[in-house]
C-alpha atoms as a PDB file:
ATOM      1  CA  MET A   1       9.837 -15.513 -27.627  1.00  0.00           C
ATOM      2  CA  LEU A   2      12.191 -12.694 -28.416  1.00  0.00           C
ATOM      3  CA  ALA A   3      11.005  -9.259 -27.402  1.00  0.00           C
ATOM      4  CA  ARG A   4      10.570  -6.687 -30.161  1.00  0.00           C
ATOM      5  CA  TRP A   5      11.611  -3.117 -29.409  1.00  0.00           C
ATOM      6  CA  HIS A   6      10.321  -0.048 -31.247  1.00  0.00           C
ATOM      7  CA  LEU A   7      11.823   3.370 -30.600  1.00  0.00           C
ATOM      8  CA  VAL A   8       9.479   6.310 -31.003  1.00  0.00           C
ATOM      9  CA  ALA A   9      10.549   9.942 -31.068  1.00  0.00           C
ATOM     10  CA  ALA A  10       9.675  12.035 -28.049  1.00  0.00           C
ATOM     11  CA  PRO A  11      10.400  15.667 -27.181  1.00  0.00           C
ATOM     12  CA  ARG A  12      12.949  15.045 -24.433  1.00  0.00           C
ATOM     13  CA  ALA A  13      13.575  11.319 -24.250  1.00  0.00           C
ATOM     14  CA  ALA A  14      12.953   8.331 -26.450  1.00  0.00           C
ATOM     15  CA  LEU A  15      10.096   5.974 -25.748  1.00  0.00           C
ATOM     16  CA  PHE A  16      10.408   2.244 -26.073  1.00  0.00           C
ATOM     17  CA  ARG A  17       7.596  -0.184 -26.662  1.00  0.00           C
ATOM     18  CA  HIS A  18       7.936  -3.738 -25.461  1.00  0.00           C
ATOM     19  CA  ARG A  19       5.400  -5.909 -27.229  1.00  0.00           C
ATOM     20  CA  THR A  20       4.409  -9.150 -25.556  1.00  0.00           C
ATOM     21  CA  CYS A  21       1.597 -11.616 -26.032  1.00  0.00           C
ATOM     22  CA  THR A  22      -0.407  -9.785 -23.363  1.00  0.00           C
ATOM     23  CA  GLY A  23       0.056  -6.218 -24.522  1.00  0.00           C
ATOM     24  CA  THR A  24       2.429  -3.333 -25.103  1.00  0.00           C
ATOM     25  CA  LEU A  25       4.561  -1.817 -22.376  1.00  0.00           C
ATOM     26  CA  VAL A  26       5.499   1.811 -22.978  1.00  0.00           C
ATOM     27  CA  ALA A  27       8.173   3.630 -21.019  1.00  0.00           C
ATOM     28  CA  ASP A  28      10.709   6.403 -21.153  1.00  0.00           C
ATOM     29  CA  GLU A  29      14.142   5.276 -22.172  1.00  0.00           C
ATOM     30  CA  ALA A  30      16.555   7.088 -19.905  1.00  0.00           C
ATOM     31  CA  ASP A  31      19.887   8.188 -21.253  1.00  0.00           C
ATOM     32  CA  PRO A  32      22.313   5.561 -19.862  1.00  0.00           C
ATOM     33  CA  GLY A  33      25.012   8.136 -19.196  1.00  0.00           C
ATOM     34  CA  ARG A  34      22.699  10.422 -17.323  1.00  0.00           C
ATOM     35  CA  SER A  35      20.970   7.580 -15.500  1.00  0.00           C
ATOM     36  CA  ARG A  36      24.229   6.411 -13.981  1.00  0.00           C
ATOM     37  CA  SER A  37      25.708   9.798 -13.154  1.00  0.00           C
ATOM     38  CA  ARG A  38      22.801  12.104 -12.382  1.00  0.00           C
ATOM     39  CA  ILE A  39      19.936   9.971 -11.141  1.00  0.00           C
ATOM     40  CA  GLY A  40      20.534   9.885  -7.454  1.00  0.00           C
ATOM     41  CA  THR A  41      17.030   9.600  -6.098  1.00  0.00           C
ATOM     42  CA  LEU A  42      14.013   7.372  -6.421  1.00  0.00           C
ATOM     43  CA  LEU A  43      11.837  10.300  -7.517  1.00  0.00           C
ATOM     44  CA  TRP A  44      14.064  11.059 -10.485  1.00  0.00           C
ATOM     45  CA  GLU A  45      13.892   7.499 -11.789  1.00  0.00           C
ATOM     46  CA  LEU A  46      10.148   7.414 -11.233  1.00  0.00           C
ATOM     47  CA  ARG A  47       9.861  10.535 -13.362  1.00  0.00           C
ATOM     48  CA  GLN A  48      12.000   8.966 -16.083  1.00  0.00           C
ATOM     49  CA  HIS A  49       9.727   5.927 -16.201  1.00  0.00           C
ATOM     50  CA  ARG A  50       6.419   7.630 -15.416  1.00  0.00           C
ATOM     51  CA  HIS A  51       4.730   6.344 -18.587  1.00  0.00           C
ATOM     52  CA  ALA A  52       5.660   2.751 -17.804  1.00  0.00           C
ATOM     53  CA  LEU A  53       4.471   3.243 -14.235  1.00  0.00           C
ATOM     54  CA  ARG A  54       1.021   4.308 -15.449  1.00  0.00           C
ATOM     55  CA  VAL A  55       0.830   1.283 -17.739  1.00  0.00           C
ATOM     56  CA  LEU A  56       1.924  -1.080 -14.969  1.00  0.00           C
ATOM     57  CA  VAL A  57      -0.588   0.329 -12.480  1.00  0.00           C
ATOM     58  CA  ALA A  58      -3.454  -0.005 -14.965  1.00  0.00           C
ATOM     59  CA  MET A  59      -2.355  -3.498 -15.978  1.00  0.00           C
ATOM     60  CA  GLN A  60      -2.117  -4.730 -12.400  1.00  0.00           C
ATOM     61  CA  TYR A  61      -5.420  -3.197 -11.377  1.00  0.00           C
ATOM     62  CA  ARG A  62      -7.241  -4.756 -14.331  1.00  0.00           C
ATOM     63  CA  SER A  63      -5.651  -8.153 -13.736  1.00  0.00           C
ATOM     64  CA  THR A  64      -6.664  -8.059 -10.066  1.00  0.00           C
ATOM     65  CA  HIS A  65     -10.349  -7.471 -10.811  1.00  0.00           C
ATOM     66  CA  ARG A  66     -10.609  -9.481 -14.015  1.00  0.00           C
ATOM     67  CA  ALA A  67     -13.324 -12.178 -13.987  1.00  0.00           C
ATOM     68  CA  GLN A  68     -14.809 -10.872 -10.724  1.00  0.00           C
ATOM     69  CA  ALA A  69     -18.584 -10.608 -10.633  1.00  0.00           C
ATOM     70  CA  LEU A  70     -18.504  -7.475  -8.484  1.00  0.00           C
ATOM     71  CA  GLY A  71     -15.416  -6.049 -10.171  1.00  0.00           C
ATOM     72  CA  VAL A  72     -14.426  -2.697  -8.691  1.00  0.00           C
ATOM     73  CA  PHE A  73     -17.321  -2.915  -6.221  1.00  0.00           C
ATOM     74  CA  TRP A  74     -15.666  -5.789  -4.350  1.00  0.00           C
ATOM     75  CA  PRO A  75     -13.205  -3.470  -2.527  1.00  0.00           C
ATOM     76  CA  ILE A  76     -16.293  -1.654  -1.215  1.00  0.00           C
ATOM     77  CA  ALA A  77     -18.315  -4.744  -0.334  1.00  0.00           C
ATOM     78  CA  ASN A  78     -15.545  -6.744   1.326  1.00  0.00           C
ATOM     79  CA  PRO A  79     -14.783  -4.397   4.264  1.00  0.00           C
ATOM     80  CA  LEU A  80     -18.501  -3.730   4.758  1.00  0.00           C
ATOM     81  CA  ILE A  81     -19.207  -7.456   5.075  1.00  0.00           C
ATOM     82  CA  LEU A  82     -16.304  -7.874   7.498  1.00  0.00           C
ATOM     83  CA  THR A  83     -17.513  -4.872   9.488  1.00  0.00           C
ATOM     84  CA  ALA A  84     -21.007  -6.331   9.821  1.00  0.00           C
ATOM     85  CA  VAL A  85     -19.722  -9.720  10.991  1.00  0.00           C
ATOM     86  CA  VAL A  86     -17.026  -8.444  13.357  1.00  0.00           C
ATOM     87  CA  SER A  87     -19.366  -5.822  14.847  1.00  0.00           C
ATOM     88  CA  VAL A  88     -21.750  -8.561  15.938  1.00  0.00           C
ATOM     89  CA  VAL A  89     -18.941 -10.601  17.510  1.00  0.00           C
ATOM     90  CA  PHE A  90     -16.796  -7.900  19.101  1.00  0.00           C
ATOM     91  CA  GLY A  91     -19.162  -4.942  19.434  1.00  0.00           C
ATOM     92  CA  ARG A  92     -20.268  -5.845  22.963  1.00  0.00           C
ATOM     93  CA  LEU A  93     -16.888  -7.048  24.189  1.00  0.00           C
ATOM     94  CA  PHE A  94     -15.356  -3.586  24.344  1.00  0.00           C
ATOM     95  CA  PRO A  95     -17.507  -1.140  26.325  1.00  0.00           C
ATOM     96  CA  GLN A  96     -14.601   1.307  26.035  1.00  0.00           C
ATOM     97  CA  ALA A  97     -15.157   1.545  22.277  1.00  0.00           C
ATOM     98  CA  ARG A  98     -16.516   4.793  20.989  1.00  0.00           C
ATOM     99  CA  GLU A  99     -20.115   5.121  19.916  1.00  0.00           C
ATOM    100  CA  GLY A 100     -20.589   4.005  16.369  1.00  0.00           C
ATOM    101  CA  TYR A 101     -18.423   0.900  16.654  1.00  0.00           C
ATOM    102  CA  PRO A 102     -19.011  -0.101  12.986  1.00  0.00           C
ATOM    103  CA  VAL A 103     -17.490   3.218  11.860  1.00  0.00           C
ATOM    104  CA  PHE A 104     -14.606   2.731  14.281  1.00  0.00           C
ATOM    105  CA  LEU A 105     -14.084  -0.789  12.927  1.00  0.00           C
ATOM    106  CA  LEU A 106     -14.437   0.036   9.230  1.00  0.00           C
ATOM    107  CA  ILE A 107     -11.716   2.697   9.408  1.00  0.00           C
ATOM    108  CA  GLY A 108      -9.289   0.152  10.803  1.00  0.00           C
ATOM    109  CA  LEU A 109     -10.296  -2.588   8.360  1.00  0.00           C
ATOM    110  CA  VAL A 110     -10.022  -0.375   5.274  1.00  0.00           C
ATOM    111  CA  LEU A 111      -6.493   0.728   6.131  1.00  0.00           C
ATOM    112  CA  TRP A 112      -5.416  -2.734   7.247  1.00  0.00           C
ATOM    113  CA  ASN A 113      -6.839  -4.429   4.147  1.00  0.00           C
ATOM    114  CA  PHE A 114      -4.833  -2.060   1.989  1.00  0.00           C
ATOM    115  CA  LEU A 115      -1.582  -2.712   3.826  1.00  0.00           C
ATOM    116  CA  SER A 116      -2.006  -6.490   3.997  1.00  0.00           C
ATOM    117  CA  HIS A 117      -3.084  -6.918   0.362  1.00  0.00           C
ATOM    118  CA  ALA A 118      -0.479  -4.485  -0.956  1.00  0.00           C
ATOM    119  CA  TRP A 119       2.362  -6.049   1.024  1.00  0.00           C
ATOM    120  CA  LEU A 120       1.437  -9.616   0.093  1.00  0.00           C
ATOM    121  CA  GLU A 121       0.992  -8.808  -3.594  1.00  0.00           C
ATOM    122  CA  ALA A 122       4.139  -6.692  -3.766  1.00  0.00           C
ATOM    123  CA  THR A 123       6.171  -9.422  -2.075  1.00  0.00           C
ATOM    124  CA  ASP A 124       5.339 -11.759  -4.963  1.00  0.00           C
ATOM    125  CA  CYS A 125       5.142  -9.177  -7.767  1.00  0.00           C
ATOM    126  CA  LEU A 126       8.696  -9.639  -9.075  1.00  0.00           C
ATOM    127  CA  MET A 127       8.007 -13.333  -9.600  1.00  0.00           C
ATOM    128  CA  ARG A 128       4.519 -12.763 -10.967  1.00  0.00           C
ATOM    129  CA  TYR A 129       5.786 -10.236 -13.512  1.00  0.00           C
ATOM    130  CA  SER A 130       9.130 -11.890 -14.102  1.00  0.00           C
ATOM    131  CA  GLU A 131       8.902 -11.392 -17.884  1.00  0.00           C
ATOM    132  CA  ILE A 132       8.820  -7.628 -17.411  1.00  0.00           C
ATOM    133  CA  VAL A 133      11.774  -7.787 -15.050  1.00  0.00           C
ATOM    134  CA  LYS A 134      13.819  -9.957 -17.423  1.00  0.00           C
ATOM    135  CA  ARG A 135      12.853  -8.554 -20.823  1.00  0.00           C
ATOM    136  CA  THR A 136      12.771  -4.801 -20.214  1.00  0.00           C
ATOM    137  CA  GLU A 137      15.224  -2.233 -18.939  1.00  0.00           C
ATOM    138  CA  LEU A 138      12.802  -1.052 -16.282  1.00  0.00           C
ATOM    139  CA  PRO A 139      14.176  -1.048 -12.734  1.00  0.00           C
ATOM    140  CA  PRO A 140      12.487  -3.914 -10.850  1.00  0.00           C
ATOM    141  CA  TYR A 141      11.335  -1.635  -8.046  1.00  0.00           C
ATOM    142  CA  LEU A 142       8.988   0.016 -10.557  1.00  0.00           C
ATOM    143  CA  VAL A 143       6.864  -3.136 -10.477  1.00  0.00           C
ATOM    144  CA  ILE A 144       6.777  -2.893  -6.677  1.00  0.00           C
ATOM    145  CA  VAL A 145       5.705   0.755  -6.767  1.00  0.00           C
ATOM    146  CA  ALA A 146       3.013  -0.065  -9.339  1.00  0.00           C
ATOM    147  CA  THR A 147       1.636  -2.797  -7.074  1.00  0.00           C
ATOM    148  CA  ILE A 148       1.342  -0.376  -4.161  1.00  0.00           C
ATOM    149  CA  LEU A 149      -0.353   2.266  -6.330  1.00  0.00           C
ATOM    150  CA  SER A 150      -2.726  -0.310  -7.801  1.00  0.00           C
ATOM    151  CA  ASN A 151      -3.820  -1.253  -4.304  1.00  0.00           C
ATOM    152  CA  GLY A 152      -4.069   2.458  -3.538  1.00  0.00           C
ATOM    153  CA  ILE A 153      -6.862   2.660  -6.118  1.00  0.00           C
ATOM    154  CA  SER A 154      -8.666  -0.131  -4.275  1.00  0.00           C
ATOM    155  CA  LEU A 155      -8.133   1.813  -1.043  1.00  0.00           C
ATOM    156  CA  GLY A 156      -9.986   4.735  -2.596  1.00  0.00           C
ATOM    157  CA  PHE A 157     -12.936   2.523  -3.531  1.00  0.00           C
ATOM    158  CA  SER A 158     -12.926   0.869  -0.102  1.00  0.00           C
ATOM    159  CA  SER A 159     -13.236   4.285   1.511  1.00  0.00           C
ATOM    160  CA  LEU A 160     -16.589   4.713  -0.237  1.00  0.00           C
ATOM    161  CA  GLY A 161     -17.921   2.119   2.189  1.00  0.00           C
ATOM    162  CA  MET A 162     -18.162   4.971   4.682  1.00  0.00           C
ATOM    163  CA  LEU A 163     -21.145   6.410   2.798  1.00  0.00           C
ATOM    164  CA  PRO A 164     -23.714   3.802   3.935  1.00  0.00           C
ATOM    165  CA  LEU A 165     -22.493   4.146   7.526  1.00  0.00           C
ATOM    166  CA  LEU A 166     -22.901   7.904   7.254  1.00  0.00           C
ATOM    167  CA  VAL A 167     -26.634   7.266   6.874  1.00  0.00           C
ATOM    168  CA  PHE A 168     -26.945   4.905   9.843  1.00  0.00           C
ATOM    169  CA  TYR A 169     -24.392   6.548  12.172  1.00  0.00           C
ATOM    170  CA  PRO A 170     -24.430  10.267  11.337  1.00  0.00           C
ATOM    171  CA  ASP A 171     -23.325  11.231  14.852  1.00  0.00           C
ATOM    172  CA  SER A 172     -20.076   9.277  14.388  1.00  0.00           C
ATOM    173  CA  PHE A 173     -18.858  11.617  11.646  1.00  0.00           C
ATOM    174  CA  HIS A 174     -17.630  15.148  12.253  1.00  0.00           C
ATOM    175  CA  LEU A 175     -16.624  17.407   9.385  1.00  0.00           C
ATOM    176  CA  SER A 176     -13.820  19.818  10.171  1.00  0.00           C
ATOM    177  CA  ALA A 177     -10.687  21.360   8.731  1.00  0.00           C
ATOM    178  CA  ALA A 178      -8.800  18.337  10.055  1.00  0.00           C
ATOM    179  CA  LEU A 179     -10.060  16.428   6.993  1.00  0.00           C
ATOM    180  CA  PHE A 180      -7.316  18.140   4.997  1.00  0.00           C
ATOM    181  CA  LEU A 181      -4.845  15.951   6.904  1.00  0.00           C
ATOM    182  CA  LEU A 182      -6.328  12.759   5.445  1.00  0.00           C
ATOM    183  CA  PRO A 183      -4.252  12.869   2.216  1.00  0.00           C
ATOM    184  CA  LEU A 184      -1.110  13.014   4.354  1.00  0.00           C
ATOM    185  CA  ILE A 185      -2.200   9.914   6.279  1.00  0.00           C
ATOM    186  CA  VAL A 186      -2.975   8.070   3.036  1.00  0.00           C
ATOM    187  CA  VAL A 187       0.474   8.941   1.669  1.00  0.00           C
ATOM    188  CA  LEU A 188       2.086   7.651   4.865  1.00  0.00           C
ATOM    189  CA  VAL A 189       0.139   4.376   4.700  1.00  0.00           C
ATOM    190  CA  CYS A 190       1.195   3.895   1.061  1.00  0.00           C
ATOM    191  CA  LEU A 191       4.782   4.759   1.956  1.00  0.00           C
ATOM    192  CA  LEU A 192       4.692   2.196   4.751  1.00  0.00           C
ATOM    193  CA  GLY A 193       3.476  -0.469   2.336  1.00  0.00           C
ATOM    194  CA  LEU A 194       6.224   0.476  -0.110  1.00  0.00           C
ATOM    195  CA  ALA A 195       8.860   0.397   2.636  1.00  0.00           C
ATOM    196  CA  LEU A 196       7.935  -3.125   3.684  1.00  0.00           C
ATOM    197  CA  SER A 197       7.650  -4.320   0.085  1.00  0.00           C
ATOM    198  CA  LEU A 198      11.025  -2.957  -0.988  1.00  0.00           C
ATOM    199  CA  ALA A 199      12.567  -5.268   1.583  1.00  0.00           C
ATOM    200  CA  SER A 200      10.386  -8.356   1.122  1.00  0.00           C
ATOM    201  CA  ALA A 201      10.070  -8.451  -2.696  1.00  0.00           C
ATOM    202  CA  PRO A 202      13.768  -8.968  -3.551  1.00  0.00           C
ATOM    203  CA  LEU A 203      14.182 -11.347  -0.606  1.00  0.00           C
ATOM    204  CA  ASN A 204      11.238 -13.384  -1.900  1.00  0.00           C
ATOM    205  CA  VAL A 205      13.037 -13.756  -5.234  1.00  0.00           C
ATOM    206  CA  LEU A 206      16.048 -15.258  -3.484  1.00  0.00           C
ATOM    207  CA  TYR A 207      14.180 -17.152  -0.763  1.00  0.00           C
ATOM    208  CA  ARG A 208      10.732 -18.281  -1.899  1.00  0.00           C
ATOM    209  CA  ASP A 209       9.400 -18.845   1.610  1.00  0.00           C
ATOM    210  CA  VAL A 210       9.481 -15.113   2.426  1.00  0.00           C
ATOM    211  CA  GLY A 211       5.900 -14.806   1.176  1.00  0.00           C
ATOM    212  CA  TYR A 212       4.719 -17.337   3.776  1.00  0.00           C
ATOM    213  CA  LEU A 213       6.650 -15.456   6.444  1.00  0.00           C
ATOM    214  CA  VAL A 214       4.953 -12.193   5.471  1.00  0.00           C
ATOM    215  CA  GLY A 215       1.527 -13.835   5.688  1.00  0.00           C
ATOM    216  CA  SER A 216       2.261 -15.169   9.169  1.00  0.00           C
ATOM    217  CA  LEU A 217       3.663 -11.822  10.272  1.00  0.00           C
ATOM    218  CA  LEU A 218       0.551 -10.014   9.055  1.00  0.00           C
ATOM    219  CA  LEU A 219      -1.664 -12.329  11.096  1.00  0.00           C
ATOM    220  CA  MET A 220       0.337 -11.564  14.230  1.00  0.00           C
ATOM    221  CA  VAL A 221       0.525  -7.813  13.630  1.00  0.00           C
ATOM    222  CA  PHE A 222      -3.237  -7.671  12.992  1.00  0.00           C
ATOM    223  CA  TRP A 223      -3.877  -8.411  16.658  1.00  0.00           C
ATOM    224  CA  LEU A 224      -1.140  -5.987  17.706  1.00  0.00           C
ATOM    225  CA  THR A 225      -2.965  -3.215  15.863  1.00  0.00           C
ATOM    226  CA  PRO A 226      -6.077  -1.624  17.453  1.00  0.00           C
ATOM    227  CA  ILE A 227      -8.449  -2.536  14.641  1.00  0.00           C
ATOM    228  CA  VAL A 228     -11.212  -4.449  16.427  1.00  0.00           C
ATOM    229  CA  TYR A 229     -10.449  -3.031  19.877  1.00  0.00           C
ATOM    230  CA  PRO A 230      -9.726   0.507  21.108  1.00  0.00           C
ATOM    231  CA  VAL A 231      -6.321   1.392  22.505  1.00  0.00           C
ATOM    232  CA  GLU A 232      -8.081   2.345  25.741  1.00  0.00           C
ATOM    233  CA  ALA A 233      -8.821  -1.361  26.279  1.00  0.00           C
ATOM    234  CA  VAL A 234      -5.165  -2.164  27.024  1.00  0.00           C
ATOM    235  CA  SER A 235      -2.812  -1.066  29.781  1.00  0.00           C
ATOM    236  CA  ASP A 236      -0.517   1.925  29.429  1.00  0.00           C
ATOM    237  CA  ARG A 237       2.536  -0.321  29.075  1.00  0.00           C
ATOM    238  CA  VAL A 238       0.954  -2.371  26.285  1.00  0.00           C
ATOM    239  CA  ARG A 239      -0.315   0.811  24.669  1.00  0.00           C
ATOM    240  CA  GLY A 240       3.230   2.101  24.391  1.00  0.00           C
ATOM    241  CA  ILE A 241       4.213  -1.115  22.621  1.00  0.00           C
ATOM    242  CA  LEU A 242       1.256  -0.844  20.245  1.00  0.00           C
ATOM    243  CA  PHE A 243       2.311   2.636  19.157  1.00  0.00           C
ATOM    244  CA  LEU A 244       5.684   1.289  18.058  1.00  0.00           C
ATOM    245  CA  ASN A 245       3.631  -0.188  15.222  1.00  0.00           C
ATOM    246  CA  PRO A 246       3.205   2.721  12.765  1.00  0.00           C
ATOM    247  CA  MET A 247      -0.206   1.429  11.671  1.00  0.00           C
ATOM    248  CA  THR A 248      -1.510   2.028  15.182  1.00  0.00           C
ATOM    249  CA  GLY A 249      -0.791   5.733  15.017  1.00  0.00           C
ATOM    250  CA  LEU A 250      -2.040   6.073  11.434  1.00  0.00           C
ATOM    251  CA  ILE A 251      -5.339   4.322  12.145  1.00  0.00           C
ATOM    252  CA  GLU A 252      -5.869   6.353  15.314  1.00  0.00           C
ATOM    253  CA  CYS A 253      -5.113   9.545  13.384  1.00  0.00           C
ATOM    254  CA  VAL A 254      -7.825   8.765  10.843  1.00  0.00           C
ATOM    255  CA  ARG A 255     -10.302   7.961  13.616  1.00  0.00           C
ATOM    256  CA  ASP A 256      -9.529  11.253  15.346  1.00  0.00           C
ATOM    257  CA  ILE A 257     -10.052  13.145  12.090  1.00  0.00           C
ATOM    258  CA  VAL A 258     -13.205  11.373  10.894  1.00  0.00           C
ATOM    259  CA  MET A 259     -14.994  10.503  14.136  1.00  0.00           C
ATOM    260  CA  ASP A 260     -13.929  13.360  16.425  1.00  0.00           C
ATOM    261  CA  GLY A 261     -13.307  16.101  13.885  1.00  0.00           C
ATOM    262  CA  GLU A 262      -9.982  16.836  15.568  1.00  0.00           C
ATOM    263  CA  ALA A 263      -6.416  16.943  14.371  1.00  0.00           C
ATOM    264  CA  PRO A 264      -4.492  13.920  15.684  1.00  0.00           C
ATOM    265  CA  PRO A 265      -2.078  14.442  18.582  1.00  0.00           C
ATOM    266  CA  ALA A 266       1.192  15.804  17.261  1.00  0.00           C
ATOM    267  CA  ARG A 267       3.215  13.249  19.220  1.00  0.00           C
ATOM    268  CA  ALA A 268       1.338  10.250  17.791  1.00  0.00           C
ATOM    269  CA  LEU A 269       1.532  11.607  14.250  1.00  0.00           C
ATOM    270  CA  ALA A 270       5.229  12.444  14.583  1.00  0.00           C
ATOM    271  CA  LEU A 271       5.992   8.951  15.884  1.00  0.00           C
ATOM    272  CA  SER A 272       4.156   7.361  12.945  1.00  0.00           C
ATOM    273  CA  VAL A 273       5.965   9.599  10.460  1.00  0.00           C
ATOM    274  CA  ALA A 274       9.365   8.884  12.004  1.00  0.00           C
ATOM    275  CA  THR A 275       8.780   5.121  12.135  1.00  0.00           C
ATOM    276  CA  THR A 276       7.474   5.024   8.561  1.00  0.00           C
ATOM    277  CA  LEU A 277      10.437   7.002   7.231  1.00  0.00           C
ATOM    278  CA  ALA A 278      12.873   4.809   9.153  1.00  0.00           C
ATOM    279  CA  LEU A 279      11.276   1.685   7.688  1.00  0.00           C
ATOM    280  CA  PHE A 280      11.396   3.227   4.216  1.00  0.00           C
ATOM    281  CA  VAL A 281      15.115   3.893   4.517  1.00  0.00           C
ATOM    282  CA  ALA A 282      15.658   0.336   5.769  1.00  0.00           C
ATOM    283  CA  GLY A 283      13.548  -1.071   2.935  1.00  0.00           C
ATOM    284  CA  ALA A 284      15.354   0.991   0.304  1.00  0.00           C
ATOM    285  CA  LEU A 285      18.744  -0.121   1.615  1.00  0.00           C
ATOM    286  CA  THR A 286      17.624  -3.754   1.608  1.00  0.00           C
ATOM    287  CA  TYR A 287      16.394  -3.441  -1.969  1.00  0.00           C
ATOM    288  CA  ARG A 288      19.636  -1.801  -3.037  1.00  0.00           C
ATOM    289  CA  ARG A 289      21.604  -4.600  -1.396  1.00  0.00           C
ATOM    290  CA  PHE A 290      19.878  -7.352  -3.397  1.00  0.00           C
ATOM    291  CA  ALA A 291      18.749  -5.498  -6.560  1.00  0.00           C
ATOM    292  CA  SER A 292      21.642  -6.730  -8.699  1.00  0.00           C
ATOM    293  CA  ARG A 293      20.648 -10.365  -8.080  1.00  0.00           C
ATOM    294  CA  ILE A 294      16.957 -10.058  -8.947  1.00  0.00           C
ATOM    295  CA  ALA A 295      17.169 -10.574 -12.727  1.00  0.00           C
ATOM    296  CA  ASP A 296      19.262 -13.733 -12.298  1.00  0.00           C
ATOM    297  CA  HIS A 297      16.751 -15.440 -10.017  1.00  0.00           C
ATOM    298  CA  VAL A 298      13.283 -14.534 -11.328  1.00  0.00           C
END
């Protein structure tokens, strides 16, 4: 089916509407001359296509929870169920764990579930939304960003699972000014998911087994991340290896903020920031390397 385009006047840039059998995609139409000569950063292009990004995020979020009995409540229920089961199995195996092991565990599971779901979905998103990639002028990475943001909404709902635990484990929560650091941690976790996805999504278009590789890698990294066990349960040498994983530092930072009411150690936070930014640069370079081949292979 041929796509139908409708230009609509806008104050600063034209809008295009791409009508498909599933809906209407609205986006800014960037001036081609300016887009090639003046857009030098990801943020500028995101601003140019901000309307399309909102539509893509909403579309992906609705499609994820369509036909689910629990709907938006599933992101809350899922980590709580996992926390209950894992707490029974592992709760007594780690005497080094802090008091309030379910709270300790839920923090790790919420952040890990976001990263694993976002990375897996974003790896396959260019194939899943191939019609958008082929039939619109949107940069393909916009679909990747929308997938991460859509999962970010689920992350927000998953965080509400802390409320029931606040009733049963009030001593495991400490309110302090350190809570203002939580948005920074959330941004870093989302940036980490985007960094990994920018590399894996275009590679998955060219080599369809990349998705299976990502799934296997996530299973391995899960046990290399202190989610069900505290970092104190391993030796100093192994602990140093664990902190090379940026998720280790980010999860520990959230636990320090929520459970101890303290700002995370500057060294651990700085290492997580540096590793995340390095991975983002590597992911962006990988995407740039293969971006020109995406439309020909989806």
